[in-house]
Structures are given as C-alpha cells and as structure tokens.
C-alpha cells in the first residue's frame, strides 16, 4: 500500500499504527531521500497529531546493513522498526529477501538480534512472517527465533509463501504460534469485514490484527471494527477521496503510472460499490491523465 493510498486510509481513521511499504536494503546505508520517497509521512506526521504513527519496514538479509538503515529510519522519525520476512515476491526471494529467509531460522535470529542490539533502548522492533516457505514445519521455530532475537511484536500472515494469497488463511496456526511465544502476536490474512475480524480474534487468540488488502477494498474497515456504531461509508464520501487520491499523485508520480494505479484501486472498490465498477468501466480504455481528470470531475465532484 503506497503513500497515496495510506493517506486515504488515515482519512477514514481507526488504525493505531501504519507500517510502510518495505524499503529494500542490500549492503549499504541508503540516503535519506530513499526513505522519504517511500515514506513521505516521516516529514509530515509530526504536524498531524491526529494521525497514527508510521513505522518503516525494512527488507534484506545483511544484518549490519539492516541495523545501520534502521538507525537512519529512526533519525528521520520512524516509530520503531519493522523487519519483513514474509514477502512472497519471486524477485525478492531470488535476491535472498522476504519469505525465503523462513528456511533459515538461525539467520533470522542473527538479523533480528543485530538490529535489536543497535537500536536505542525503548524502541520497538517488530517483524512480519508467514507460516513458512513450502510448508508450516518451521513456523513455530521461526517465531521463537524472532522472539529470542529481540522482536517485541510479530505479525503472522497465516499462509506459507507457496500459498501466496489463496484462501483460506490458517488462523488456527496463528493460535499455535501465539501459545508458543511470549511476545505480542498480531494476526494477519483474510480480514475483509467486521465479522472476519471477530472470527480471527476468536480463533487466533490475538488481541491485535494487521489489515492490508481489506482496507484497499473497504477503506473505513478499521474504523468499523473499532466503532461498531459507525455507519458504512457512503459513495460520495469515498468519491471525494478517490478524487483526492488521483489529484495527489499528479506531479509526484509519473503520468504513465497514475491511470493504472487509479484503475487498480477502483477494481478493488468495485467489489463493494457498484458506482466504482461503473467508473472503472468508463476509465478502462483511457490512459491520458488529462482525460481521466475530466471524467473524474464529471462523475465524482459535486
């Protein structure tokens, strides 16, 4: 979820913490500009007291490089550090990052321990994992390695790498990890509604959840979970944010990407809002930003 979509999610509220897209670390200290491009909130959150804190997520396999970049992220204002051991991307895995590291619990321990040792006291270090790479045989071992290394929170996406995002998410496996560890386990995977949240909490035994795709489909989901008295999002409220989403990308994102990102989000929203589907069909053949702007003005702005 990029910055522009995160801004929409924050507008509707309900999130206690935002985790950024991952910043890829290889073997060197990245310039500040790399962090600020991926996580622009680092320069703005302090002036928005109602906005939830943002935590930078790092992905890589070099313990010392990750530690150095963690300190840089903190210096820029990150609220703690998150380490990604769950990305299923073939490209990322082929470069020894993300879920492929779940084959090596000892390496995960070394990475987390090195980063934790480098962090100032009181700074939260969290990690994200899947149930494994090919299977779940090392799920608990990996979680225990993270805990032993110094992770204070572990988000568990309840699928293996090989399963990708195919349903169902195995919330019962999160419960096993929760029972085997002492740190805060955060449940993740297939939470698309308030009822999904309730079922996940019941099965996993977790108190906290992380939502990704569910918020892309339904941007007010976190608030609906937190406040059951809230009415569901009306189309005009969402329409205003769709227009803002598009406008905020102009001048910041290359034109060749803007139309695609907008259509991609509308396709997600179309599962909940027929108006989004109609707008998507109207925009489907259009790839000129100025034409898209005109169509949005005609269809979204009061």
Protein backbone atom coordinates (compact mmCIF):
# COMPACT_ATOMS: atom_id res chain seq x y z
CA UNK A 1 0.00 0.00 0.00
CA UNK A 2 1.69 3.20 -1.15
CA UNK A 3 1.72 6.62 0.47
CA UNK A 4 -1.24 7.95 -1.53
CA UNK A 5 -3.50 5.08 -0.54
CA UNK A 6 -2.25 5.20 3.06
CA UNK A 7 -3.36 8.83 3.14
CA UNK A 8 -6.90 7.78 2.20
CA UNK A 9 -6.91 5.07 4.87
CA UNK A 10 -5.74 7.54 7.52
CA UNK A 11 -8.52 9.93 6.49
CA UNK A 12 -11.19 7.40 7.50
CA UNK A 13 -9.43 6.54 10.76
CA UNK A 14 -9.37 3.51 13.01
CA UNK A 15 -5.72 2.46 12.60
CA UNK A 16 -3.43 2.65 15.62
CA UNK A 17 -0.20 2.19 13.66
CA UNK A 18 0.79 2.33 9.99
CA UNK A 19 3.53 0.07 8.63
CA UNK A 20 5.15 1.37 5.45
CA UNK A 21 5.93 -0.46 2.25
CA UNK A 22 9.27 -2.17 2.62
CA UNK A 23 12.49 -0.32 1.98
CA UNK A 24 14.91 -2.72 0.27
CA UNK A 25 18.32 -2.92 1.96
CA UNK A 26 21.22 -4.69 0.25
CA UNK A 27 24.62 -3.99 1.79
CA UNK A 28 24.88 -0.23 2.20
CA UNK A 29 23.42 2.70 4.11
CA UNK A 30 20.68 4.24 2.00
CA UNK A 31 20.40 8.00 1.53
CA UNK A 32 17.64 9.83 3.37
CA UNK A 33 15.92 10.51 0.05
CA UNK A 34 15.13 6.80 -0.39
CA UNK A 35 13.28 6.68 2.91
CA UNK A 36 11.44 9.94 2.28
CA UNK A 37 10.34 8.84 -1.19
CA UNK A 38 8.81 5.63 0.17
CA UNK A 39 7.56 7.07 3.45
CA UNK A 40 6.81 10.80 2.96
CA UNK A 41 4.88 10.75 6.25
CA UNK A 42 8.22 10.90 8.05
CA UNK A 43 8.34 14.61 7.20
CA UNK A 44 4.67 15.36 7.90
CA UNK A 45 3.34 13.14 10.70
CA UNK A 46 4.72 15.35 13.46
CA UNK A 47 2.50 18.21 12.28
CA UNK A 48 -0.59 15.98 12.22
CA UNK A 49 -1.24 14.98 15.84
CA UNK A 50 -4.40 13.02 14.99
CA UNK A 51 -2.55 10.85 12.50
CA UNK A 52 -1.37 7.38 13.62
CA UNK A 53 2.39 6.84 13.95
CA UNK A 54 4.22 5.37 10.96
CA UNK A 55 6.81 2.60 11.27
CA UNK A 56 9.33 1.97 8.50
CA UNK A 57 9.59 -1.62 7.29
CA UNK A 58 12.98 -2.86 6.10
CA UNK A 59 13.64 -5.90 3.93
CA UNK A 60 17.00 -7.55 3.43
CA UNK A 61 19.38 -10.21 4.69
CA UNK A 62 22.54 -8.32 5.70
CA UNK A 63 22.32 -7.87 9.50
CA UNK A 64 24.72 -4.94 9.74
CA UNK A 65 23.27 -3.07 6.78
CA UNK A 66 19.78 -3.53 8.20
CA UNK A 67 20.96 -2.22 11.58
CA UNK A 68 22.55 0.86 10.00
CA UNK A 69 19.44 1.62 7.97
CA UNK A 70 17.20 1.06 10.98
CA UNK A 71 19.08 3.81 12.79
CA UNK A 72 18.70 6.09 9.79
CA UNK A 73 14.95 5.44 9.67
CA UNK A 74 14.70 6.27 13.36
CA UNK A 75 16.63 9.50 12.85
CA UNK A 76 14.01 10.51 10.28
CA UNK A 77 11.15 9.90 12.70
CA UNK A 78 10.08 6.28 12.26
CA UNK A 79 8.02 4.95 15.17
CA UNK A 80 10.07 1.81 15.72
CA UNK A 81 11.35 -0.59 13.06
CA UNK A 82 9.62 -3.49 11.30
CA UNK A 83 11.52 -6.27 9.51
CA UNK A 84 9.94 -8.12 6.59
CA UNK A 85 10.33 -11.90 6.48
CA UNK A 86 7.05 -12.50 4.68
CA UNK A 87 7.22 -11.01 1.18
CA UNK A 88 6.31 -13.79 -1.31
CA UNK A 89 7.63 -12.00 -4.41
CA UNK A 90 9.75 -14.30 -6.56
CA UNK A 91 12.11 -11.45 -7.42
CA UNK A 92 12.60 -10.53 -3.76
CA UNK A 93 13.06 -14.17 -2.73
CA UNK A 94 15.60 -14.77 -5.51
CA UNK A 95 17.67 -11.94 -4.01
CA UNK A 96 17.61 -13.52 -0.55
CA UNK A 97 14.91 -11.33 0.93
CA UNK A 98 11.44 -11.81 2.37
CA UNK A 99 9.86 -15.22 2.87
CA UNK A 100 12.84 -17.22 1.58
CA UNK A 101 14.59 -16.45 4.88
CA UNK A 102 11.98 -18.57 6.66
CA UNK A 103 14.09 -21.53 5.54
CA UNK A 104 16.85 -20.28 7.86
CA UNK A 105 15.63 -19.58 11.41
CA UNK A 106 19.21 -19.13 12.64
CA UNK A 107 19.78 -16.36 10.10
CA UNK A 108 16.52 -14.70 11.12
CA UNK A 109 17.74 -14.75 14.72
CA UNK A 110 21.06 -13.13 13.74
CA UNK A 111 19.35 -10.41 11.74
CA UNK A 112 16.89 -9.50 14.46
CA UNK A 113 19.46 -9.70 17.23
CA UNK A 114 21.89 -7.46 15.34
CA UNK A 115 19.22 -4.86 14.64
CA UNK A 116 17.86 -5.01 18.18
CA UNK A 117 21.32 -4.56 19.67
CA UNK A 118 21.85 -1.44 17.53
CA UNK A 119 18.55 0.21 18.47
CA UNK A 120 18.30 2.65 21.37
CA UNK A 121 16.58 1.32 24.46
CA UNK A 122 12.81 1.61 24.35
CA UNK A 123 12.50 1.45 20.55
CA UNK A 124 10.07 -1.22 19.39
CA UNK A 125 11.39 -3.81 16.94
CA UNK A 126 8.69 -5.81 15.18
CA UNK A 127 8.83 -8.46 12.47
CA UNK A 128 6.46 -9.91 9.90
CA UNK A 129 6.48 -13.56 8.87
CA UNK A 130 4.45 -16.17 7.04
CA UNK A 131 3.83 -19.71 8.25
CA UNK A 132 6.80 -20.90 6.21
CA UNK A 133 8.11 -21.14 2.68
CA UNK A 134 6.93 -24.50 1.33
CA UNK A 135 5.07 -25.70 4.43
CA UNK A 136 4.41 -24.94 8.09
CA UNK A 137 7.07 -27.22 9.58
CA UNK A 138 9.24 -24.32 10.77
CA UNK A 139 6.51 -21.86 11.71
CA UNK A 140 6.96 -22.04 15.47
CA UNK A 141 10.76 -22.32 15.17
CA UNK A 142 10.85 -19.10 13.16
CA UNK A 143 8.62 -17.26 15.62
CA UNK A 144 10.76 -18.42 18.53
CA UNK A 145 13.89 -17.28 16.68
CA UNK A 146 12.35 -13.84 16.24
CA UNK A 147 11.38 -13.70 19.89
CA UNK A 148 14.84 -14.83 21.05
CA UNK A 149 16.46 -12.26 18.78
CA UNK A 150 14.58 -9.43 20.43
CA UNK A 151 11.43 -8.81 18.40
CA UNK A 152 8.72 -7.41 20.66
CA UNK A 153 5.88 -7.90 18.18
CA UNK A 154 5.44 -10.49 15.44
CA UNK A 155 2.83 -10.17 12.72
CA UNK A 156 1.91 -13.56 11.30
CA UNK A 157 0.40 -13.77 7.83
CA UNK A 158 -1.47 -17.05 8.07
CA UNK A 159 -0.24 -18.66 4.84
CA UNK A 160 3.01 -20.06 3.51
CA UNK A 161 4.93 -18.36 0.73
CA UNK A 162 3.83 -21.03 -1.73
CA UNK A 163 0.17 -20.41 -0.86
CA UNK A 164 0.55 -16.75 -1.78
CA UNK A 165 -2.81 -15.12 -1.11
CA UNK A 166 -5.01 -18.12 -1.87
CA UNK A 167 -7.79 -18.58 0.69
CA UNK A 168 -8.20 -19.63 3.34
CA UNK A 169 -5.85 -18.02 5.84
CA UNK A 170 -4.95 -20.52 8.57
CA UNK A 171 -5.85 -18.55 11.69
CA UNK A 172 -5.55 -21.73 13.77
CA UNK A 173 -1.82 -21.70 13.04
CA UNK A 174 -1.58 -18.18 14.42
CA UNK A 175 -3.11 -19.57 17.62
CA UNK A 176 -0.36 -22.20 17.82
CA UNK A 177 2.32 -19.55 17.44
CA UNK A 178 0.56 -17.35 19.97
CA UNK A 179 0.58 -20.17 22.51
CA UNK A 180 4.25 -20.98 21.89
CA UNK A 181 5.58 -17.43 22.35
CA UNK A 182 5.51 -14.70 24.98
CA UNK A 183 5.64 -11.64 22.69
CA UNK A 184 2.65 -9.88 21.18
CA UNK A 185 1.45 -11.84 18.13
CA UNK A 186 -0.51 -9.84 15.56
CA UNK A 187 -2.88 -11.72 13.25
CA UNK A 188 -2.91 -11.04 9.52
CA UNK A 189 -4.64 -12.52 6.49
CA UNK A 190 -8.18 -12.56 5.03
CA UNK A 191 -9.68 -9.88 7.28
CA UNK A 192 -12.12 -8.23 4.91
CA UNK A 193 -15.05 -7.46 7.22
CA UNK A 194 -16.02 -6.87 10.84
CA UNK A 195 -17.22 -10.47 11.07
CA UNK A 196 -13.85 -11.68 9.72
CA UNK A 197 -12.15 -9.70 12.46
CA UNK A 198 -14.36 -11.23 15.15
CA UNK A 199 -13.72 -14.75 13.88
CA UNK A 200 -9.98 -14.19 13.53
CA UNK A 201 -9.68 -12.87 17.07
CA UNK A 202 -11.67 -15.81 18.42
CA UNK A 203 -9.64 -18.45 16.57
CA UNK A 204 -6.17 -16.92 16.88
CA UNK A 205 -6.45 -15.67 20.43
CA UNK A 206 -4.73 -12.44 19.36
CA UNK A 207 -5.66 -9.01 20.64
CA UNK A 208 -4.28 -7.13 17.63
CA UNK A 209 -4.58 -7.50 13.87
CA UNK A 210 -2.90 -6.11 10.79
CA UNK A 211 -5.08 -5.35 7.78
CA UNK A 212 -3.72 -4.87 4.27
CA UNK A 213 -5.94 -5.77 1.32
CA UNK A 214 -9.09 -5.45 3.42
CA UNK A 215 -8.52 -1.71 3.69
CA UNK A 216 -7.98 -1.42 -0.05
CA UNK A 217 -11.40 -2.98 -0.61
CA UNK A 218 -13.03 -1.06 2.24
CA UNK A 219 -11.05 1.99 3.43
CA UNK A 220 -13.20 2.51 6.53
CA UNK A 221 -12.88 -1.10 7.76
CA UNK A 222 -10.56 -0.27 10.65
CA UNK A 223 -12.98 2.35 11.96
CA UNK A 224 -15.95 -0.01 11.58
CA UNK A 225 -14.08 -2.60 13.65
CA UNK A 226 -13.19 -0.05 16.32
CA UNK A 227 -16.59 1.67 16.47
CA UNK A 228 -19.50 -0.65 15.73
CA UNK A 229 -21.94 2.28 15.81
CA UNK A 230 -20.37 3.89 12.75
CA UNK A 231 -22.45 3.78 9.55
CA UNK A 232 -20.92 2.24 6.46
CA UNK A 233 -19.12 4.51 4.05
CA UNK A 234 -21.39 6.32 1.61
CA UNK A 235 -20.33 6.56 -2.00
CA UNK A 236 -19.96 10.34 -2.02
CA UNK A 237 -17.54 10.21 0.91
CA UNK A 238 -15.48 7.67 -0.97
CA UNK A 239 -15.80 9.57 -4.25
CA UNK A 240 -14.21 12.62 -2.68
CA UNK A 241 -11.23 10.54 -1.57
CA UNK A 242 -10.90 8.88 -4.98
CA UNK A 243 -10.59 12.32 -6.50
CA UNK A 244 -8.07 13.36 -3.83
CA UNK A 245 -6.10 10.15 -4.40
CA UNK A 246 -5.83 10.90 -8.11
CA UNK A 247 -5.01 14.58 -7.62
CA UNK A 248 -2.32 13.93 -5.02
CA UNK A 249 -0.41 11.65 -7.41
CA UNK A 250 -0.20 14.31 -10.12
CA UNK A 251 3.22 15.92 -10.08
CA UNK A 252 4.56 13.22 -7.76
CA UNK A 253 4.03 10.02 -9.75
CA UNK A 254 4.91 9.64 -13.46
CA UNK A 255 1.82 10.06 -15.63
CA UNK A 256 2.25 6.59 -17.13
CA UNK A 257 1.58 5.06 -13.70
CA UNK A 258 -1.21 7.31 -12.41
CA UNK A 259 -4.03 5.92 -14.55
CA UNK A 260 -3.06 2.32 -13.79
CA UNK A 261 -2.98 2.87 -10.04
CA UNK A 262 -6.37 4.56 -10.09
CA UNK A 263 -7.95 1.75 -12.14
CA UNK A 264 -6.38 -0.88 -9.93
CA UNK A 265 -7.93 0.65 -6.81
CA UNK A 266 -11.31 1.11 -8.48
CA UNK A 267 -11.30 -2.59 -9.37
CA UNK A 268 -10.91 -3.41 -5.66
CA UNK A 269 -13.61 -0.91 -4.67
CA UNK A 270 -15.96 -2.34 -7.29
CA UNK A 271 -16.44 -5.44 -5.14
CA UNK A 272 -18.27 -3.23 -2.61
CA UNK A 273 -19.56 -0.29 -4.66
CA UNK A 274 -21.36 -0.59 -7.99
CA UNK A 275 -20.54 3.07 -8.69
CA UNK A 276 -16.84 2.19 -8.58
CA UNK A 277 -17.41 -0.55 -11.14
CA UNK A 278 -19.20 1.86 -13.48
CA UNK A 279 -16.39 4.38 -13.12
CA UNK A 280 -13.81 1.67 -13.77
CA UNK A 281 -15.57 0.62 -16.98
CA UNK A 282 -15.69 4.24 -18.12
CA UNK A 283 -11.98 4.71 -17.45
CA UNK A 284 -10.84 1.30 -18.68
CA UNK A 285 -9.86 2.43 -22.23
CA UNK A 286 -8.49 5.81 -21.11
CA UNK A 287 -4.78 6.28 -20.45
CA UNK A 288 -4.40 10.03 -20.76
CA UNK A 289 -4.19 11.80 -17.40
CA UNK A 290 -5.99 14.93 -18.60
CA UNK A 291 -8.89 12.85 -19.94
CA UNK A 292 -9.07 10.89 -16.68
CA UNK A 293 -9.13 14.16 -14.74
CA UNK A 294 -12.06 15.38 -16.83
CA UNK A 295 -14.00 12.15 -16.33
CA UNK A 296 -13.44 12.28 -12.58
CA UNK A 297 -14.61 15.88 -12.47
CA UNK A 298 -17.78 14.91 -14.30
CA UNK A 299 -18.50 11.81 -12.23
CA UNK A 300 -17.17 12.48 -8.74
CA UNK A 301 -17.16 16.17 -7.88
CA UNK A 302 -20.39 17.65 -6.55
